[in-house]
Amino acid sequence: MIMLYHAPGTRSFRVLWMLEELGVPYELQMLDLEQQEQKSAPFLELNPMGKVPTLVDGRTKLTESAAICAWLADRFPEKGLAPAMDATARPDYLRWMFFAPGCVEPAFTEKLNNYATDPRQAAWGSFDDVIATIGPAVDQGRYLLGKAFCAADIMVGSVVRWGVFAGLVSDPALLGYNERLGKRSAHQLACEIDSELVA
């Protein structure tokens, strides 16, 4: 059985959404971040960073949301959430999977907190560069790889969702993308689960 160590309102939402998209059995193990349960000795054995998400599936232990989502997509290839290893779309898929934590998150965080990093030191580029990169890929009703939704849409889409909520995103292409993602039944179910856990 897949076990997801989870806390509502965190990056763990991505893995929760991914699991709902896959439609495979899983269990949630809640961690109370206010009580610092993520810093307990047993949990630190699973994830020395003391963060969520952390996923355990038999002997497999994984941390970092992009790595977990990439692994799950490959673990269940019949679900179609990742191009096959030899597919022409595979390189673009991998680029988008790691574009989310490597570029989108830091650029959005920088924008939200109103600070600037020397462009020579900002490996993520800039907020405007990130928006200009995502926008054309998801314009006109597309997902990142075209017509097919994939795990990379969970990674990038979850940060776009946060950016819309924070009032950072006004680009019409990204707003439309966020709206399309929000209509997916797995996304809606993951949101319901996450909201119920907060209450």
N, C-alpha and C. Protein backbone atom coordinates (compact mmCIF):
# COMPACT_ATOMS: atom_id res chain seq x y z
N MET A 1 0.84 -1.20 0.00
CA MET A 1 0.00 0.00 0.00
C MET A 1 0.88 1.26 0.00
N ILE A 2 0.52 2.21 -0.82
CA ILE A 2 1.24 3.48 -0.87
C ILE A 2 0.82 4.32 0.32
N MET A 3 1.81 4.87 1.01
CA MET A 3 1.56 5.75 2.15
C MET A 3 2.14 7.12 1.83
N LEU A 4 1.28 8.14 1.90
CA LEU A 4 1.72 9.51 1.70
C LEU A 4 1.72 10.23 3.04
N TYR A 5 2.88 10.70 3.46
CA TYR A 5 2.98 11.55 4.64
C TYR A 5 2.65 12.96 4.19
N HIS A 6 1.61 13.51 4.80
CA HIS A 6 0.94 14.68 4.23
C HIS A 6 0.61 15.70 5.31
N ALA A 7 0.60 16.96 4.89
CA ALA A 7 0.06 18.05 5.70
C ALA A 7 -0.72 18.94 4.75
N PRO A 8 -1.93 19.34 5.11
CA PRO A 8 -2.73 20.16 4.19
C PRO A 8 -2.08 21.52 3.96
N GLY A 9 -2.31 22.04 2.75
CA GLY A 9 -1.81 23.36 2.41
C GLY A 9 -0.32 23.41 2.15
N THR A 10 0.28 22.27 1.81
CA THR A 10 1.72 22.21 1.55
C THR A 10 1.95 21.65 0.14
N ARG A 11 3.22 21.53 -0.23
CA ARG A 11 3.56 20.94 -1.53
C ARG A 11 3.11 19.49 -1.62
N SER A 12 2.78 18.89 -0.51
CA SER A 12 2.27 17.53 -0.51
C SER A 12 0.96 17.42 -1.29
N PHE A 13 0.28 18.55 -1.48
CA PHE A 13 -0.96 18.55 -2.27
C PHE A 13 -0.70 17.98 -3.66
N ARG A 14 0.48 18.28 -4.22
CA ARG A 14 0.79 17.79 -5.57
C ARG A 14 0.71 16.27 -5.64
N VAL A 15 1.26 15.61 -4.63
CA VAL A 15 1.27 14.15 -4.64
C VAL A 15 -0.14 13.62 -4.38
N LEU A 16 -0.88 14.28 -3.51
CA LEU A 16 -2.28 13.90 -3.28
C LEU A 16 -3.06 13.98 -4.59
N TRP A 17 -2.90 15.07 -5.32
CA TRP A 17 -3.55 15.24 -6.62
C TRP A 17 -3.10 14.13 -7.58
N MET A 18 -1.81 13.87 -7.61
CA MET A 18 -1.26 12.84 -8.50
C MET A 18 -1.89 11.48 -8.19
N LEU A 19 -1.99 11.15 -6.92
CA LEU A 19 -2.58 9.86 -6.54
C LEU A 19 -4.04 9.78 -6.94
N GLU A 20 -4.76 10.88 -6.83
CA GLU A 20 -6.16 10.89 -7.26
C GLU A 20 -6.26 10.75 -8.78
N GLU A 21 -5.35 11.37 -9.52
CA GLU A 21 -5.34 11.21 -10.98
C GLU A 21 -5.06 9.75 -11.35
N LEU A 22 -4.18 9.11 -10.62
CA LEU A 22 -3.84 7.72 -10.90
C LEU A 22 -4.97 6.77 -10.53
N GLY A 23 -5.72 7.13 -9.51
CA GLY A 23 -6.81 6.27 -9.06
C GLY A 23 -6.34 4.98 -8.44
N VAL A 24 -5.19 5.01 -7.77
CA VAL A 24 -4.66 3.81 -7.12
C VAL A 24 -4.89 3.92 -5.61
N PRO A 25 -4.96 2.77 -4.91
CA PRO A 25 -5.16 2.82 -3.46
C PRO A 25 -3.96 3.48 -2.75
N TYR A 26 -4.26 4.27 -1.75
CA TYR A 26 -3.21 4.88 -0.94
C TYR A 26 -3.79 5.23 0.42
N GLU A 27 -2.89 5.47 1.35
CA GLU A 27 -3.28 5.93 2.68
C GLU A 27 -2.57 7.24 2.97
N LEU A 28 -3.22 8.08 3.75
CA LEU A 28 -2.61 9.33 4.19
C LEU A 28 -2.16 9.18 5.63
N GLN A 29 -0.95 9.60 5.89
CA GLN A 29 -0.44 9.68 7.26
C GLN A 29 -0.24 11.18 7.53
N MET A 30 -1.10 11.72 8.36
CA MET A 30 -1.07 13.15 8.61
C MET A 30 0.06 13.53 9.57
N LEU A 31 0.68 14.64 9.27
CA LEU A 31 1.69 15.21 10.17
C LEU A 31 1.23 16.60 10.59
N ASP A 32 1.23 16.84 11.87
CA ASP A 32 0.86 18.16 12.40
C ASP A 32 2.11 19.03 12.44
N LEU A 33 2.20 19.95 11.49
CA LEU A 33 3.39 20.78 11.40
C LEU A 33 3.50 21.76 12.58
N GLU A 34 2.35 22.14 13.12
CA GLU A 34 2.37 23.04 14.28
C GLU A 34 2.99 22.35 15.49
N GLN A 35 2.78 21.05 15.57
CA GLN A 35 3.34 20.26 16.68
C GLN A 35 4.73 19.72 16.34
N GLN A 36 5.25 20.10 15.18
CA GLN A 36 6.60 19.70 14.75
C GLN A 36 6.75 18.19 14.59
N GLU A 37 5.64 17.52 14.23
CA GLU A 37 5.72 16.07 14.05
C GLU A 37 6.67 15.69 12.91
N GLN A 38 6.87 16.59 11.97
CA GLN A 38 7.79 16.32 10.86
C GLN A 38 9.25 16.32 11.31
N LYS A 39 9.50 16.76 12.54
CA LYS A 39 10.86 16.77 13.08
C LYS A 39 11.08 15.63 14.08
N SER A 40 10.10 14.73 14.17
CA SER A 40 10.25 13.60 15.10
C SER A 40 11.30 12.64 14.57
N ALA A 41 11.94 11.91 15.47
CA ALA A 41 13.01 10.99 15.07
C ALA A 41 12.53 9.94 14.07
N PRO A 42 11.34 9.31 14.26
CA PRO A 42 10.90 8.31 13.28
C PRO A 42 10.72 8.90 11.88
N PHE A 43 10.16 10.11 11.81
CA PHE A 43 9.95 10.70 10.49
C PHE A 43 11.26 11.14 9.85
N LEU A 44 12.19 11.63 10.66
CA LEU A 44 13.47 12.05 10.11
C LEU A 44 14.26 10.88 9.52
N GLU A 45 13.94 9.67 9.96
CA GLU A 45 14.56 8.50 9.34
C GLU A 45 14.06 8.31 7.91
N LEU A 46 12.82 8.72 7.65
CA LEU A 46 12.26 8.66 6.30
C LEU A 46 12.71 9.84 5.46
N ASN A 47 12.73 11.01 6.08
CA ASN A 47 13.07 12.24 5.36
C ASN A 47 13.93 13.11 6.27
N PRO A 48 15.24 13.07 6.10
CA PRO A 48 16.14 13.83 6.97
C PRO A 48 15.90 15.34 6.94
N MET A 49 15.22 15.83 5.88
CA MET A 49 14.89 17.26 5.82
C MET A 49 13.71 17.62 6.71
N GLY A 50 12.96 16.61 7.14
CA GLY A 50 11.80 16.87 7.99
C GLY A 50 10.72 17.64 7.26
N LYS A 51 10.42 17.22 6.02
CA LYS A 51 9.44 17.92 5.19
C LYS A 51 8.42 16.94 4.64
N VAL A 52 7.30 17.49 4.22
CA VAL A 52 6.34 16.75 3.41
C VAL A 52 6.40 17.34 2.01
N PRO A 53 6.10 16.52 0.99
CA PRO A 53 5.64 15.14 1.06
C PRO A 53 6.78 14.14 1.22
N THR A 54 6.41 13.01 1.77
CA THR A 54 7.26 11.82 1.78
C THR A 54 6.36 10.66 1.43
N LEU A 55 6.84 9.80 0.55
CA LEU A 55 6.03 8.68 0.10
C LEU A 55 6.76 7.37 0.38
N VAL A 56 6.01 6.40 0.88
CA VAL A 56 6.56 5.06 1.13
C VAL A 56 5.67 4.06 0.40
N ASP A 57 6.31 3.22 -0.40
CA ASP A 57 5.60 2.17 -1.12
C ASP A 57 6.44 0.90 -1.00
N GLY A 58 6.10 0.07 -0.05
CA GLY A 58 6.92 -1.11 0.22
C GLY A 58 8.30 -0.67 0.70
N ARG A 59 9.34 -1.09 -0.01
CA ARG A 59 10.69 -0.71 0.37
C ARG A 59 11.13 0.62 -0.23
N THR A 60 10.31 1.15 -1.09
CA THR A 60 10.64 2.42 -1.75
C THR A 60 10.26 3.59 -0.88
N LYS A 61 11.21 4.48 -0.66
CA LYS A 61 10.96 5.71 0.11
C LYS A 61 11.42 6.87 -0.76
N LEU A 62 10.53 7.84 -0.93
CA LEU A 62 10.83 8.98 -1.79
C LEU A 62 10.46 10.28 -1.12
N THR A 63 11.28 11.30 -1.36
CA THR A 63 10.98 12.65 -0.93
C THR A 63 11.08 13.57 -2.15
N GLU A 64 10.63 14.80 -1.99
CA GLU A 64 10.61 15.83 -3.04
C GLU A 64 9.46 15.56 -4.01
N SER A 65 8.56 16.52 -4.10
CA SER A 65 7.32 16.31 -4.86
C SER A 65 7.56 15.99 -6.32
N ALA A 66 8.52 16.63 -6.98
CA ALA A 66 8.77 16.33 -8.39
C ALA A 66 9.26 14.91 -8.57
N ALA A 67 10.17 14.48 -7.70
CA ALA A 67 10.68 13.11 -7.78
C ALA A 67 9.57 12.10 -7.53
N ILE A 68 8.72 12.39 -6.55
CA ILE A 68 7.62 11.47 -6.23
C ILE A 68 6.65 11.36 -7.39
N CYS A 69 6.24 12.50 -7.95
CA CYS A 69 5.28 12.48 -9.06
C CYS A 69 5.87 11.82 -10.29
N ALA A 70 7.15 12.07 -10.57
CA ALA A 70 7.80 11.42 -11.71
C ALA A 70 7.86 9.91 -11.51
N TRP A 71 8.18 9.50 -10.30
CA TRP A 71 8.27 8.07 -10.01
C TRP A 71 6.90 7.40 -10.12
N LEU A 72 5.87 8.04 -9.57
CA LEU A 72 4.52 7.47 -9.63
C LEU A 72 4.04 7.35 -11.08
N ALA A 73 4.33 8.37 -11.88
CA ALA A 73 3.89 8.32 -13.28
C ALA A 73 4.54 7.14 -14.00
N ASP A 74 5.81 6.90 -13.71
CA ASP A 74 6.50 5.77 -14.34
C ASP A 74 6.11 4.43 -13.73
N ARG A 75 5.74 4.46 -12.47
CA ARG A 75 5.34 3.21 -11.79
C ARG A 75 4.01 2.68 -12.33
N PHE A 76 3.16 3.60 -12.79
CA PHE A 76 1.85 3.21 -13.33
C PHE A 76 1.73 3.71 -14.77
N PRO A 77 2.51 3.14 -15.68
CA PRO A 77 2.52 3.65 -17.06
C PRO A 77 1.18 3.52 -17.78
N GLU A 78 0.38 2.55 -17.33
CA GLU A 78 -0.93 2.35 -17.97
C GLU A 78 -1.88 3.52 -17.75
N LYS A 79 -1.57 4.38 -16.79
CA LYS A 79 -2.43 5.55 -16.50
C LYS A 79 -2.15 6.71 -17.45
N GLY A 80 -1.04 6.65 -18.19
CA GLY A 80 -0.77 7.65 -19.22
C GLY A 80 -0.40 9.03 -18.73
N LEU A 81 0.20 9.13 -17.55
CA LEU A 81 0.56 10.45 -17.02
C LEU A 81 2.02 10.84 -17.29
N ALA A 82 2.72 9.99 -18.04
CA ALA A 82 4.09 10.32 -18.47
C ALA A 82 4.32 9.67 -19.83
N PRO A 83 4.99 10.38 -20.74
CA PRO A 83 5.35 9.76 -22.01
C PRO A 83 6.31 8.59 -21.75
N ALA A 84 6.26 7.61 -22.62
CA ALA A 84 7.17 6.48 -22.52
C ALA A 84 8.61 6.94 -22.66
N MET A 85 9.53 6.12 -22.18
CA MET A 85 10.94 6.48 -22.19
C MET A 85 11.45 6.85 -23.57
N ASP A 86 10.92 6.20 -24.60
CA ASP A 86 11.40 6.46 -25.96
C ASP A 86 10.48 7.39 -26.75
N ALA A 87 9.50 7.98 -26.08
CA ALA A 87 8.57 8.88 -26.77
C ALA A 87 9.24 10.21 -27.07
N THR A 88 8.86 10.83 -28.16
CA THR A 88 9.47 12.12 -28.53
C THR A 88 9.13 13.21 -27.53
N ALA A 89 8.01 13.07 -26.81
CA ALA A 89 7.61 14.08 -25.83
C ALA A 89 8.33 13.93 -24.49
N ARG A 90 9.08 12.84 -24.31
CA ARG A 90 9.71 12.58 -23.00
C ARG A 90 10.65 13.70 -22.55
N PRO A 91 11.54 14.22 -23.41
CA PRO A 91 12.42 15.30 -22.96
C PRO A 91 11.66 16.55 -22.49
N ASP A 92 10.62 16.94 -23.24
CA ASP A 92 9.83 18.11 -22.82
C ASP A 92 9.13 17.84 -21.49
N TYR A 93 8.62 16.63 -21.35
CA TYR A 93 7.96 16.24 -20.09
C TYR A 93 8.91 16.40 -18.91
N LEU A 94 10.12 15.88 -19.04
CA LEU A 94 11.09 15.98 -17.95
C LEU A 94 11.47 17.43 -17.68
N ARG A 95 11.61 18.21 -18.73
CA ARG A 95 11.94 19.63 -18.55
C ARG A 95 10.86 20.31 -17.70
N TRP A 96 9.59 20.10 -18.05
CA TRP A 96 8.52 20.74 -17.31
C TRP A 96 8.42 20.21 -15.88
N MET A 97 8.67 18.92 -15.67
CA MET A 97 8.59 18.36 -14.33
C MET A 97 9.50 19.11 -13.36
N PHE A 98 10.69 19.44 -13.83
CA PHE A 98 11.67 20.05 -12.95
C PHE A 98 11.78 21.56 -13.13
N PHE A 99 11.07 22.08 -14.13
CA PHE A 99 10.95 23.53 -14.30
C PHE A 99 10.15 24.12 -13.14
N ALA A 100 9.16 23.35 -12.66
CA ALA A 100 8.29 23.84 -11.58
C ALA A 100 9.08 24.17 -10.31
N PRO A 101 9.81 23.20 -9.72
CA PRO A 101 10.57 23.54 -8.50
C PRO A 101 11.83 24.35 -8.78
N GLY A 102 12.40 24.19 -9.98
CA GLY A 102 13.67 24.86 -10.27
C GLY A 102 13.54 26.30 -10.71
N CYS A 103 12.43 26.64 -11.36
CA CYS A 103 12.26 28.01 -11.88
C CYS A 103 10.98 28.69 -11.41
N VAL A 104 9.85 27.98 -11.54
CA VAL A 104 8.57 28.63 -11.24
C VAL A 104 8.46 28.99 -9.76
N GLU A 105 8.72 28.04 -8.88
CA GLU A 105 8.60 28.32 -7.44
C GLU A 105 9.49 29.47 -6.98
N PRO A 106 10.79 29.45 -7.27
CA PRO A 106 11.62 30.56 -6.78
C PRO A 106 11.24 31.90 -7.41
N ALA A 107 10.86 31.91 -8.68
CA ALA A 107 10.47 33.16 -9.31
C ALA A 107 9.19 33.72 -8.69
N PHE A 108 8.22 32.84 -8.42
CA PHE A 108 6.97 33.28 -7.80
C PHE A 108 7.22 33.74 -6.36
N THR A 109 8.07 33.03 -5.65
CA THR A 109 8.39 33.41 -4.27
C THR A 109 9.07 34.77 -4.22
N GLU A 110 9.99 34.99 -5.13
CA GLU A 110 10.68 36.28 -5.22
C GLU A 110 9.68 37.40 -5.48
N LYS A 111 8.75 37.16 -6.40
CA LYS A 111 7.74 38.17 -6.73
C LYS A 111 6.83 38.43 -5.54
N LEU A 112 6.38 37.38 -4.88
CA LEU A 112 5.47 37.53 -3.75
C LEU A 112 6.11 38.32 -2.61
N ASN A 113 7.38 38.04 -2.35
CA ASN A 113 8.07 38.68 -1.23
C ASN A 113 8.75 40.00 -1.62
N ASN A 114 8.58 40.37 -2.89
CA ASN A 114 9.05 41.67 -3.38
C ASN A 114 10.54 41.89 -3.12
N TYR A 115 11.32 40.88 -3.51
CA TYR A 115 12.77 41.07 -3.45
C TYR A 115 13.35 40.70 -4.81
N ALA A 116 14.54 41.14 -5.06
CA ALA A 116 15.18 40.88 -6.35
C ALA A 116 16.54 40.24 -6.12
N THR A 117 16.85 39.29 -6.96
CA THR A 117 18.15 38.63 -6.93
C THR A 117 18.93 39.08 -8.15
N ASP A 118 20.20 39.28 -7.97
CA ASP A 118 21.06 39.63 -9.09
C ASP A 118 20.83 38.60 -10.21
N PRO A 119 20.46 39.05 -11.41
CA PRO A 119 20.18 38.11 -12.51
C PRO A 119 21.32 37.13 -12.77
N ARG A 120 22.53 37.50 -12.46
CA ARG A 120 23.66 36.60 -12.67
C ARG A 120 23.66 35.47 -11.64
N GLN A 121 22.91 35.64 -10.55
CA GLN A 121 22.86 34.62 -9.50
C GLN A 121 21.53 33.88 -9.47
N ALA A 122 20.53 34.41 -10.18
CA ALA A 122 19.19 33.81 -10.17
C ALA A 122 19.11 32.72 -11.23
N ALA A 123 19.39 31.50 -10.83
CA ALA A 123 19.38 30.39 -11.78
C ALA A 123 18.00 30.16 -12.38
N TRP A 124 16.96 30.66 -11.70
CA TRP A 124 15.59 30.46 -12.17
C TRP A 124 15.17 31.50 -13.20
N GLY A 125 16.02 32.48 -13.48
CA GLY A 125 15.63 33.54 -14.41
C GLY A 125 14.85 34.61 -13.68
N SER A 126 13.70 34.98 -14.19
CA SER A 126 12.87 36.01 -13.56
C SER A 126 11.41 35.61 -13.64
N PHE A 127 10.59 36.28 -12.86
CA PHE A 127 9.14 36.04 -12.89
C PHE A 127 8.60 36.22 -14.31
N ASP A 128 8.98 37.32 -14.94
CA ASP A 128 8.48 37.59 -16.30
C ASP A 128 8.93 36.52 -17.29
N ASP A 129 10.17 36.05 -17.14
CA ASP A 129 10.65 34.98 -18.02
C ASP A 129 9.85 33.70 -17.83
N VAL A 130 9.53 33.40 -16.58
CA VAL A 130 8.77 32.18 -16.28
C VAL A 130 7.37 32.26 -16.90
N ILE A 131 6.71 33.40 -16.70
CA ILE A 131 5.37 33.58 -17.27
C ILE A 131 5.42 33.47 -18.79
N ALA A 132 6.41 34.12 -19.39
CA ALA A 132 6.55 34.11 -20.85
C ALA A 132 6.88 32.72 -21.38
N THR A 133 7.44 31.86 -20.55
CA THR A 133 7.77 30.49 -20.97
C THR A 133 6.55 29.58 -20.86
N ILE A 134 5.80 29.70 -19.77
CA ILE A 134 4.64 28.82 -19.59
C ILE A 134 3.49 29.23 -20.51
N GLY A 135 3.24 30.52 -20.63
CA GLY A 135 2.07 31.01 -21.35
C GLY A 135 1.85 30.40 -22.73
N PRO A 136 2.83 30.48 -23.63
CA PRO A 136 2.62 29.91 -24.97
C PRO A 136 2.38 28.40 -24.97
N ALA A 137 2.91 27.71 -23.98
CA ALA A 137 2.75 26.25 -23.93
C ALA A 137 1.33 25.85 -23.58
N VAL A 138 0.63 26.69 -22.81
CA VAL A 138 -0.71 26.31 -22.34
C VAL A 138 -1.80 27.19 -22.94
N ASP A 139 -1.46 28.02 -23.90
CA ASP A 139 -2.45 28.88 -24.54
C ASP A 139 -3.41 28.05 -25.39
N GLN A 140 -4.56 28.61 -25.66
CA GLN A 140 -5.55 28.02 -26.56
C GLN A 140 -5.99 26.63 -26.11
N GLY A 141 -6.20 26.48 -24.82
CA GLY A 141 -6.78 25.25 -24.29
C GLY A 141 -5.85 24.07 -24.18
N ARG A 142 -4.55 24.32 -24.29
CA ARG A 142 -3.59 23.21 -24.25
C ARG A 142 -3.10 22.93 -22.84
N TYR A 143 -2.55 21.72 -22.70
CA TYR A 143 -1.75 21.38 -21.54
C TYR A 143 -0.29 21.53 -21.95
N LEU A 144 0.63 21.25 -21.05
CA LEU A 144 2.05 21.48 -21.34
C LEU A 144 2.57 20.67 -22.52
N LEU A 145 2.03 19.47 -22.70
CA LEU A 145 2.47 18.63 -23.81
C LEU A 145 1.45 18.61 -24.95
N GLY A 146 0.54 19.54 -24.96
CA GLY A 146 -0.47 19.60 -26.00
C GLY A 146 -1.83 19.22 -25.48
N LYS A 147 -2.47 18.26 -26.12
CA LYS A 147 -3.83 17.88 -25.73
C LYS A 147 -3.86 16.97 -24.51
N ALA A 148 -2.76 16.28 -24.25
CA ALA A 148 -2.75 15.28 -23.18
C ALA A 148 -2.27 15.86 -21.86
N PHE A 149 -3.07 15.69 -20.83
CA PHE A 149 -2.68 16.04 -19.46
C PHE A 149 -1.61 15.06 -18.99
N CYS A 150 -0.63 15.55 -18.24
CA CYS A 150 0.42 14.67 -17.72
C CYS A 150 0.85 15.13 -16.32
N ALA A 151 1.74 14.37 -15.71
CA ALA A 151 2.21 14.69 -14.36
C ALA A 151 2.86 16.06 -14.29
N ALA A 152 3.47 16.51 -15.38
CA ALA A 152 4.10 17.83 -15.38
C ALA A 152 3.07 18.94 -15.18
N ASP A 153 1.84 18.69 -15.63
CA ASP A 153 0.77 19.68 -15.40
C ASP A 153 0.44 19.80 -13.93
N ILE A 154 0.60 18.72 -13.19
CA ILE A 154 0.40 18.78 -11.74
C ILE A 154 1.49 19.64 -11.12
N MET A 155 2.72 19.42 -11.52
CA MET A 155 3.83 20.17 -10.95
C MET A 155 3.74 21.66 -11.27
N VAL A 156 3.64 21.99 -12.54
CA VAL A 156 3.58 23.41 -12.93
C VAL A 156 2.24 24.01 -12.52
N GLY A 157 1.17 23.25 -12.75
CA GLY A 157 -0.17 23.76 -12.45
C GLY A 157 -0.39 24.08 -10.98
N SER A 158 0.23 23.31 -10.10
CA SER A 158 0.05 23.57 -8.67
C SER A 158 0.69 24.90 -8.27
N VAL A 159 1.80 25.26 -8.91
CA VAL A 159 2.43 26.54 -8.59
C VAL A 159 1.64 27.68 -9.23
N VAL A 160 1.15 27.46 -10.45
CA VAL A 160 0.29 28.47 -11.08
C VAL A 160 -0.94 28.71 -10.22
N ARG A 161 -1.53 27.64 -9.71
CA ARG A 161 -2.71 27.75 -8.82
C ARG A 161 -2.39 28.62 -7.61
N TRP A 162 -1.23 28.38 -7.01
CA TRP A 162 -0.81 29.18 -5.86
C TRP A 162 -0.60 30.64 -6.28
N GLY A 163 -0.03 30.84 -7.46
CA GLY A 163 0.20 32.20 -7.95
C GLY A 163 -1.10 32.95 -8.22
N VAL A 164 -2.10 32.24 -8.73
CA VAL A 164 -3.41 32.86 -8.95
C VAL A 164 -4.02 33.24 -7.60
N PHE A 165 -3.97 32.31 -6.65
CA PHE A 165 -4.52 32.57 -5.31
C PHE A 165 -3.83 33.76 -4.65
N ALA A 166 -2.53 33.89 -4.87
CA ALA A 166 -1.76 34.98 -4.25
C ALA A 166 -1.88 36.29 -5.02
N GLY A 167 -2.58 36.29 -6.14
CA GLY A 167 -2.76 37.50 -6.92
C GLY A 167 -1.57 37.86 -7.78
N LEU A 168 -0.69 36.90 -8.03
CA LEU A 168 0.51 37.18 -8.82
C LEU A 168 0.28 36.99 -10.31
N VAL A 169 -0.67 36.13 -10.66
CA VAL A 169 -0.85 35.73 -12.06
C VAL A 169 -2.04 36.46 -12.68
N SER A 170 -1.76 37.16 -13.76
CA SER A 170 -2.84 37.84 -14.50
C SER A 170 -2.82 37.48 -15.98
N ASP A 171 -1.81 36.72 -16.40
CA ASP A 171 -1.69 36.32 -17.81
C ASP A 171 -2.90 35.48 -18.21
N PRO A 172 -3.62 35.86 -19.28
CA PRO A 172 -4.83 35.13 -19.67
C PRO A 172 -4.59 33.65 -19.96
N ALA A 173 -3.47 33.32 -20.57
CA ALA A 173 -3.19 31.91 -20.88
C ALA A 173 -3.06 31.10 -19.60
N LEU A 174 -2.37 31.64 -18.60
CA LEU A 174 -2.19 30.92 -17.34
C LEU A 174 -3.50 30.86 -16.55
N LEU A 175 -4.30 31.92 -16.62
CA LEU A 175 -5.59 31.90 -15.93
C LEU A 175 -6.50 30.82 -16.54
N GLY A 176 -6.49 30.72 -17.86
CA GLY A 176 -7.28 29.68 -18.52
C GLY A 176 -6.79 28.29 -18.18
N TYR A 177 -5.48 28.14 -18.14
CA TYR A 177 -4.86 26.86 -17.76
C TYR A 177 -5.28 26.47 -16.35
N ASN A 178 -5.20 27.42 -15.43
CA ASN A 178 -5.59 27.16 -14.05
C ASN A 178 -7.06 26.75 -13.97
N GLU A 179 -7.89 27.39 -14.75
CA GLU A 179 -9.32 27.06 -14.75
C GLU A 179 -9.55 25.64 -15.29
N ARG A 180 -8.85 25.27 -16.35
CA ARG A 180 -8.99 23.91 -16.90
C ARG A 180 -8.56 22.86 -15.89
N LEU A 181 -7.43 23.12 -15.24
CA LEU A 181 -6.94 22.16 -14.25
C LEU A 181 -7.93 22.02 -13.10
N GLY A 182 -8.53 23.14 -12.70
CA GLY A 182 -9.47 23.14 -11.59
C GLY A 182 -10.74 22.37 -11.87
N LYS A 183 -11.02 22.11 -13.14
CA LYS A 183 -12.22 21.37 -13.51
C LYS A 183 -11.99 19.86 -13.52
N ARG A 184 -10.75 19.43 -13.39
CA ARG A 184 -10.47 18.00 -13.37
C ARG A 184 -11.02 17.39 -12.08
N SER A 185 -11.71 16.27 -12.22
CA SER A 185 -12.35 15.67 -11.04
C SER A 185 -11.32 15.26 -9.99
N ALA A 186 -10.15 14.78 -10.41
CA ALA A 186 -9.13 14.39 -9.44
C ALA A 186 -8.61 15.60 -8.68
N HIS A 187 -8.48 16.72 -9.37
CA HIS A 187 -8.05 17.96 -8.70
C HIS A 187 -9.09 18.39 -7.68
N GLN A 188 -10.35 18.35 -8.08
CA GLN A 188 -11.42 18.76 -7.17
C GLN A 188 -11.48 17.86 -5.94
N LEU A 189 -11.30 16.56 -6.14
CA LEU A 189 -11.32 15.63 -5.02
C LEU A 189 -10.14 15.87 -4.08
N ALA A 190 -8.96 16.10 -4.66
CA ALA A 190 -7.79 16.39 -3.83
C ALA A 190 -8.00 17.66 -3.04
N CYS A 191 -8.62 18.67 -3.64
CA CYS A 191 -8.91 19.92 -2.92
C CYS A 191 -9.88 19.68 -1.77
N GLU A 192 -10.88 18.85 -2.02
CA GLU A 192 -11.86 18.53 -0.97
C GLU A 192 -11.18 17.81 0.20
N ILE A 193 -10.34 16.84 -0.12
CA ILE A 193 -9.64 16.09 0.93
C ILE A 193 -8.75 17.04 1.73
N ASP A 194 -8.01 17.88 1.04
CA ASP A 194 -7.10 18.80 1.70
C ASP A 194 -7.87 19.78 2.59
N SER A 195 -9.01 20.30 2.08
CA SER A 195 -9.80 21.26 2.86
C SER A 195 -10.39 20.62 4.10
N GLU A 196 -10.87 19.38 3.96
CA GLU A 196 -11.44 18.68 5.11
C GLU A 196 -10.41 18.44 6.20
N LEU A 197 -9.17 18.24 5.79
CA LEU A 197 -8.12 17.98 6.78
C LEU A 197 -7.75 19.23 7.57
N VAL A 198 -8.02 20.40 6.99
CA VAL A 198 -7.74 21.66 7.68
C VAL A 198 -8.77 21.89 8.77
N ALA A 199 -10.02 21.50 8.48
CA ALA A 199 -11.14 21.77 9.40
C ALA A 199 -10.99 21.03 10.72
